[in-house]
């Protein structure tokens, strides 16, 4: 009997422990999957979603750089911002004001040049005392003491983004939003792209006058010496021994990688070089992303755009590749 009672006691103990374990499992199932806390997994999923959004944004910004690389010129830049950046940041209106060289006056960039230009003085712009310190300003319509005609009649919030190249003031980008939450989504990647676009546009409008072109052409008389180390294509000369680049008599500061790219283009004048050919023949590293080609060529075009016809020097054709736009 005592042995039987012991078995009964053990059985009851096992049964009770099983019931307790079952109850604990049912309770923990609400909070855990296997050994992972459900709330922690939820946080991980949220972080992954945020990362996906950021990666998608970076891809779209890279597309914007690619568009700039294909289409230079102030009006084209304005068109790219309107058609691609505007829906990306969900803003109601984008305005660009570029400083006129040698003055404090700014000119409004328009997609189509009709009528007289819209000129303003820097001191007429809202919060110019903050902008001159290279700081972004966010303000609402009710905070503008002197409303000007170039502003939209209605907007909820505006971000004014100044662009400086070193200490040189280039201009101001205005992003007008109808929703405060949209204005808070402007990332450093987006402002970085805007700065680049503004610099390209500034060089386009300020370095395309006849007088400057005559000065540049006058300097090209120095480039009449040819050696086997020199590769001359139109107004561009490459010095292989020194890895130097001259364009219309101006020294272009390039990296060794950028020099390789220009040399490949120059020695294949009239032919299109594909992304694969750049990576195989003009790159110093292996396992490089194809997007690196677009970025490198974009930076080269930015450097040449300081000078007349520089923005048009490197031509891109979708599906074909890149070539030098030199007769």
Protein backbone atom coordinates (compact mmCIF):
# COMPACT_ATOMS: atom_id res chain seq x y z
CA UNK A 1 0.00 0.00 0.00
CA UNK A 2 2.78 2.41 0.86
CA UNK A 3 4.38 1.76 -2.55
CA UNK A 4 1.05 2.36 -4.28
CA UNK A 5 0.59 5.60 -2.35
CA UNK A 6 4.05 6.71 -3.44
CA UNK A 7 3.15 6.07 -7.10
CA UNK A 8 -0.04 8.04 -6.68
CA UNK A 9 1.88 10.93 -5.12
CA UNK A 10 4.43 10.95 -7.94
CA UNK A 11 1.66 10.81 -10.55
CA UNK A 12 -0.20 13.72 -8.96
CA UNK A 13 3.05 15.72 -8.76
CA UNK A 14 3.80 15.10 -12.44
CA UNK A 15 0.22 16.00 -13.38
CA UNK A 16 0.35 19.25 -11.40
CA UNK A 17 3.72 20.21 -12.89
CA UNK A 18 2.41 19.44 -16.37
CA UNK A 19 -0.61 21.65 -15.79
CA UNK A 20 1.61 24.45 -14.46
CA UNK A 21 3.93 24.09 -17.46
CA UNK A 22 0.98 24.19 -19.87
CA UNK A 23 -0.38 27.34 -18.24
CA UNK A 24 3.05 28.99 -18.43
CA UNK A 25 3.41 28.07 -22.10
CA UNK A 26 -0.01 29.53 -22.88
CA UNK A 27 0.90 32.74 -21.07
CA UNK A 28 4.33 33.04 -22.63
CA UNK A 29 3.05 32.35 -26.14
CA UNK A 30 1.47 35.76 -26.05
CA UNK A 31 4.86 37.36 -25.47
CA UNK A 32 7.42 34.95 -26.92
CA UNK A 33 8.13 33.01 -30.10
CA UNK A 34 10.46 30.16 -29.19
CA UNK A 35 12.92 32.01 -26.92
CA UNK A 36 12.47 35.44 -28.50
CA UNK A 37 10.39 38.18 -26.95
CA UNK A 38 7.61 39.16 -29.36
CA UNK A 39 8.00 42.86 -28.59
CA UNK A 40 11.71 42.63 -29.44
CA UNK A 41 10.90 40.91 -32.73
CA UNK A 42 8.36 43.61 -33.45
CA UNK A 43 11.03 46.27 -32.89
CA UNK A 44 13.37 44.42 -35.24
CA UNK A 45 10.67 44.35 -37.92
CA UNK A 46 10.06 48.06 -37.47
CA UNK A 47 13.79 48.76 -37.80
CA UNK A 48 13.90 46.68 -40.99
CA UNK A 49 11.01 48.63 -42.46
CA UNK A 50 12.75 51.92 -41.66
CA UNK A 51 15.94 50.59 -43.26
CA UNK A 52 14.02 49.58 -46.40
CA UNK A 53 12.57 53.08 -46.68
CA UNK A 54 16.01 54.66 -46.28
CA UNK A 55 17.54 52.36 -48.90
CA UNK A 56 14.70 53.11 -51.32
CA UNK A 57 15.26 56.84 -50.79
CA UNK A 58 19.00 56.49 -51.42
CA UNK A 59 18.29 54.64 -54.67
CA UNK A 60 15.97 57.42 -55.83
CA UNK A 61 18.55 60.06 -54.91
CA UNK A 62 21.14 58.13 -56.92
CA UNK A 63 18.71 58.28 -59.86
CA UNK A 64 18.57 62.06 -59.37
CA UNK A 65 22.36 62.27 -59.61
CA UNK A 66 22.22 60.14 -62.75
CA UNK A 67 19.67 62.55 -64.27
CA UNK A 68 21.94 65.51 -63.48
CA UNK A 69 24.80 63.64 -65.10
CA UNK A 70 22.78 63.24 -68.28
CA UNK A 71 21.15 66.66 -68.43
CA UNK A 72 23.16 69.77 -67.56
CA UNK A 73 22.00 73.35 -67.79
CA UNK A 74 20.03 75.44 -65.34
CA UNK A 75 16.62 74.87 -66.90
CA UNK A 76 17.19 71.12 -67.07
CA UNK A 77 18.25 71.08 -63.42
CA UNK A 78 15.08 72.94 -62.46
CA UNK A 79 13.04 70.45 -64.51
CA UNK A 80 14.68 67.49 -62.75
CA UNK A 81 13.84 68.96 -59.34
CA UNK A 82 10.24 69.52 -60.38
CA UNK A 83 9.67 66.12 -61.97
CA UNK A 84 11.71 63.87 -59.65
CA UNK A 85 12.63 65.55 -56.37
CA UNK A 86 9.25 67.20 -55.80
CA UNK A 87 7.27 63.92 -55.61
CA UNK A 88 10.08 62.29 -53.61
CA UNK A 89 9.84 64.81 -50.76
CA UNK A 90 6.12 65.51 -51.33
CA UNK A 91 6.52 69.28 -51.41
CA UNK A 92 4.04 71.64 -53.04
CA UNK A 93 6.57 73.95 -54.67
CA UNK A 94 10.33 74.28 -55.22
CA UNK A 95 12.01 77.62 -55.89
CA UNK A 96 15.67 78.20 -56.67
CA UNK A 97 17.42 81.55 -56.29
CA UNK A 98 20.97 81.78 -57.65
CA UNK A 99 23.33 84.60 -56.78
CA UNK A 100 24.51 86.70 -59.70
CA UNK A 101 28.30 86.72 -59.68
CA UNK A 102 29.84 89.81 -58.08
CA UNK A 103 26.59 91.03 -56.53
CA UNK A 104 24.19 90.37 -53.65
CA UNK A 105 21.31 89.95 -56.11
CA UNK A 106 19.64 86.60 -56.64
CA UNK A 107 17.78 85.46 -59.75
CA UNK A 108 14.80 83.11 -59.67
CA UNK A 109 15.37 80.02 -61.81
CA UNK A 110 12.46 79.19 -64.10
CA UNK A 111 11.89 76.14 -66.28
CA UNK A 112 10.95 78.38 -69.19
CA UNK A 113 12.53 81.76 -69.80
CA UNK A 114 9.65 84.14 -70.49
CA UNK A 115 9.52 87.85 -69.74
CA UNK A 116 11.92 89.76 -67.54
CA UNK A 117 14.01 87.87 -64.98
CA UNK A 118 12.87 87.90 -61.34
CA UNK A 119 15.67 89.57 -59.38
CA UNK A 120 15.81 90.03 -55.61
CA UNK A 121 18.36 91.28 -53.14
CA UNK A 122 19.64 88.79 -50.59
CA UNK A 123 18.56 91.08 -47.74
CA UNK A 124 14.95 90.90 -48.98
CA UNK A 125 14.77 87.17 -48.29
CA UNK A 126 13.16 85.94 -45.05
CA UNK A 127 15.63 85.21 -42.24
CA UNK A 128 18.61 86.29 -44.35
CA UNK A 129 20.54 86.95 -41.13
CA UNK A 130 20.35 83.20 -40.40
CA UNK A 131 20.89 82.07 -43.98
CA UNK A 132 24.14 84.05 -44.24
CA UNK A 133 25.53 81.78 -41.51
CA UNK A 134 24.83 78.75 -43.72
CA UNK A 135 21.95 77.49 -41.60
CA UNK A 136 18.67 75.97 -42.80
CA UNK A 137 15.57 77.92 -41.77
CA UNK A 138 12.10 76.45 -41.25
CA UNK A 139 9.17 78.86 -41.03
CA UNK A 140 5.43 79.12 -41.59
CA UNK A 141 3.46 81.62 -43.65
CA UNK A 142 2.34 83.38 -40.49
CA UNK A 143 5.99 83.96 -39.54
CA UNK A 144 6.83 85.93 -42.69
CA UNK A 145 6.74 89.63 -41.85
CA UNK A 146 7.22 90.82 -45.43
CA UNK A 147 5.38 88.50 -47.83
CA UNK A 148 6.80 88.69 -51.36
CA UNK A 149 5.12 88.00 -54.68
CA UNK A 150 7.33 85.03 -55.56
CA UNK A 151 6.03 83.03 -52.58
CA UNK A 152 2.98 80.75 -52.89
CA UNK A 153 -0.21 82.33 -51.57
CA UNK A 154 -0.75 79.39 -49.23
CA UNK A 155 1.64 76.96 -47.57
CA UNK A 156 1.94 75.31 -44.18
CA UNK A 157 5.70 75.27 -43.77
CA UNK A 158 8.78 76.28 -45.75
CA UNK A 159 12.39 75.14 -45.59
CA UNK A 160 14.95 77.58 -46.98
CA UNK A 161 18.27 75.86 -47.64
CA UNK A 162 21.33 78.03 -48.37
CA UNK A 163 24.16 76.66 -50.50
CA UNK A 164 27.76 77.69 -49.99
CA UNK A 165 30.83 76.46 -51.83
CA UNK A 166 33.50 76.90 -49.19
CA UNK A 167 32.97 80.57 -48.22
CA UNK A 168 31.23 81.54 -51.47
CA UNK A 169 27.46 81.99 -51.33
CA UNK A 170 25.75 80.24 -54.25
CA UNK A 171 22.02 80.65 -53.62
CA UNK A 172 18.91 79.48 -51.78
CA UNK A 173 16.54 76.56 -52.33
CA UNK A 174 12.98 76.98 -51.03
CA UNK A 175 10.85 73.90 -50.37
CA UNK A 176 7.20 74.70 -49.63
CA UNK A 177 5.04 72.06 -47.90
CA UNK A 178 1.35 71.74 -47.15
CA UNK A 179 2.04 69.29 -44.33
CA UNK A 180 4.48 69.79 -41.46
CA UNK A 181 5.29 66.06 -41.27
CA UNK A 182 6.59 66.08 -44.87
CA UNK A 183 9.03 68.89 -44.10
CA UNK A 184 10.52 66.80 -41.30
CA UNK A 185 11.54 64.08 -43.76
CA UNK A 186 14.23 66.15 -45.47
CA UNK A 187 17.43 64.16 -44.89
CA UNK A 188 21.08 65.10 -45.22
CA UNK A 189 21.20 63.06 -48.46
CA UNK A 190 18.50 65.26 -49.97
CA UNK A 191 20.11 68.52 -48.86
CA UNK A 192 23.44 67.23 -50.19
CA UNK A 193 21.87 66.63 -53.59
CA UNK A 194 20.30 70.10 -53.54
CA UNK A 195 23.69 71.68 -52.82
CA UNK A 196 25.22 69.85 -55.79
CA UNK A 197 22.36 70.85 -58.11
CA UNK A 198 22.62 74.48 -57.00
CA UNK A 199 26.39 74.57 -57.60
CA UNK A 200 25.97 73.17 -61.11
CA UNK A 201 23.22 75.67 -61.91
CA UNK A 202 25.28 78.55 -60.49
CA UNK A 203 28.26 77.75 -62.69
CA UNK A 204 25.97 77.40 -65.68
CA UNK A 205 24.50 80.90 -65.39
CA UNK A 206 27.66 82.68 -64.24
CA UNK A 207 30.31 81.16 -66.48
CA UNK A 208 28.58 81.24 -69.84
CA UNK A 209 29.17 84.89 -70.77
CA UNK A 210 31.10 85.92 -73.86
CA UNK A 211 33.86 87.86 -72.09
CA UNK A 212 34.88 84.91 -69.94
CA UNK A 213 34.90 82.62 -72.96
CA UNK A 214 37.24 84.97 -74.82
CA UNK A 215 39.67 84.95 -71.88
CA UNK A 216 39.63 81.17 -71.73
CA UNK A 217 40.23 80.82 -75.47
CA UNK A 218 43.12 83.28 -75.27
CA UNK A 219 44.88 80.99 -72.80
CA UNK A 220 44.61 77.96 -75.09
CA UNK A 221 47.46 79.35 -77.19
CA UNK A 222 49.82 77.94 -74.62
CA UNK A 223 48.82 74.39 -75.53
CA UNK A 224 50.63 73.97 -78.84
CA UNK A 225 53.24 71.45 -77.75
CA UNK A 226 52.59 67.81 -78.57
CA UNK A 227 54.49 64.87 -77.15
CA UNK A 228 53.72 61.21 -76.86
CA UNK A 229 52.72 61.87 -73.24
CA UNK A 230 50.00 64.29 -74.34
CA UNK A 231 46.53 63.28 -75.47
CA UNK A 232 44.69 66.19 -77.07
CA UNK A 233 40.99 66.00 -77.84
CA UNK A 234 39.38 69.29 -78.81
CA UNK A 235 39.85 71.76 -75.95
CA UNK A 236 41.03 69.07 -73.53
CA UNK A 237 44.63 67.94 -73.06
CA UNK A 238 45.75 65.02 -70.90
CA UNK A 239 49.34 64.79 -69.69
CA UNK A 240 49.97 61.12 -68.97
CA UNK A 241 53.35 61.57 -67.28
CA UNK A 242 51.95 64.10 -64.81
CA UNK A 243 48.32 62.87 -64.69
CA UNK A 244 47.23 66.44 -65.41
CA UNK A 245 44.14 67.64 -67.26
CA UNK A 246 43.79 70.98 -69.04
CA UNK A 247 40.48 72.19 -70.41
CA UNK A 248 40.41 75.46 -72.37
CA UNK A 249 43.69 76.36 -70.69
CA UNK A 250 42.43 75.67 -67.18
CA UNK A 251 43.91 73.01 -64.94
CA UNK A 252 41.25 70.54 -63.77
CA UNK A 253 42.01 68.92 -60.42
CA UNK A 254 41.25 65.20 -60.86
CA UNK A 255 41.99 62.01 -58.95
CA UNK A 256 44.00 59.18 -60.51
CA UNK A 257 40.74 57.27 -61.00
CA UNK A 258 39.12 60.23 -62.76
CA UNK A 259 42.20 60.62 -64.97
CA UNK A 260 41.89 56.96 -66.04
CA UNK A 261 38.26 57.58 -66.99
CA UNK A 262 39.12 60.65 -69.08
CA UNK A 263 42.02 58.85 -70.75
CA UNK A 264 39.76 55.96 -71.73
CA UNK A 265 37.21 58.40 -73.19
CA UNK A 266 39.88 60.48 -74.98
CA UNK A 267 41.60 57.50 -76.59
CA UNK A 268 38.23 56.22 -77.80
CA UNK A 269 36.92 59.51 -79.19
CA UNK A 270 33.66 59.07 -81.05
CA UNK A 271 32.92 55.75 -79.37
CA UNK A 272 30.61 55.05 -76.44
CA UNK A 273 32.23 53.39 -73.42
CA UNK A 274 29.89 51.13 -71.44
CA UNK A 275 29.80 50.80 -67.66
CA UNK A 276 31.33 47.32 -67.94
CA UNK A 277 34.21 48.66 -70.06
CA UNK A 278 34.91 51.41 -67.52
CA UNK A 279 35.05 48.85 -64.73
CA UNK A 280 37.27 46.46 -66.72
CA UNK A 281 39.68 48.97 -68.27
CA UNK A 282 39.54 52.16 -66.23
CA UNK A 283 39.16 51.06 -62.64
CA UNK A 284 41.92 50.53 -60.11
CA UNK A 285 39.84 48.29 -57.85
CA UNK A 286 37.90 45.05 -58.20
CA UNK A 287 34.32 44.23 -57.17
CA UNK A 288 33.16 47.81 -57.74
CA UNK A 289 29.44 48.57 -58.04
CA UNK A 290 28.30 49.79 -61.50
CA UNK A 291 26.73 52.80 -59.78
CA UNK A 292 30.26 53.96 -58.92
CA UNK A 293 30.76 54.74 -62.62
CA UNK A 294 27.80 57.12 -62.70
CA UNK A 295 28.96 58.82 -59.51
CA UNK A 296 32.54 59.24 -60.76
CA UNK A 297 31.40 60.66 -64.10
CA UNK A 298 28.96 62.95 -62.33
CA UNK A 299 31.80 64.38 -60.23
CA UNK A 300 33.93 64.84 -63.32
CA UNK A 301 31.13 66.68 -65.07
CA UNK A 302 30.71 68.87 -62.01
CA UNK A 303 34.39 69.86 -62.17
CA UNK A 304 34.26 70.67 -65.89
CA UNK A 305 30.97 72.58 -65.55
CA UNK A 306 32.85 75.53 -64.03
CA UNK A 307 33.99 76.39 -67.54
CA UNK A 308 32.24 77.17 -70.80
CA UNK A 309 30.90 74.00 -72.48
CA UNK A 310 32.32 71.93 -69.64
CA UNK A 311 28.92 70.62 -68.55
CA UNK A 312 28.41 69.24 -72.07
CA UNK A 313 31.86 67.65 -72.39
CA UNK A 314 30.81 64.15 -71.32
CA UNK A 315 27.75 62.82 -73.11
CA UNK A 316 25.64 59.90 -71.95
CA UNK A 317 23.26 57.79 -74.00
CA UNK A 318 21.01 55.27 -72.28
CA UNK A 319 21.95 51.76 -73.30
CA UNK A 320 25.15 52.87 -75.07
CA UNK A 321 27.34 54.41 -72.39
CA UNK A 322 29.47 57.56 -72.26
CA UNK A 323 31.48 59.48 -74.85
CA UNK A 324 33.22 62.84 -75.23
CA UNK A 325 31.02 65.46 -76.85
CA UNK A 326 33.87 67.04 -78.82
CA UNK A 327 33.85 67.63 -82.56
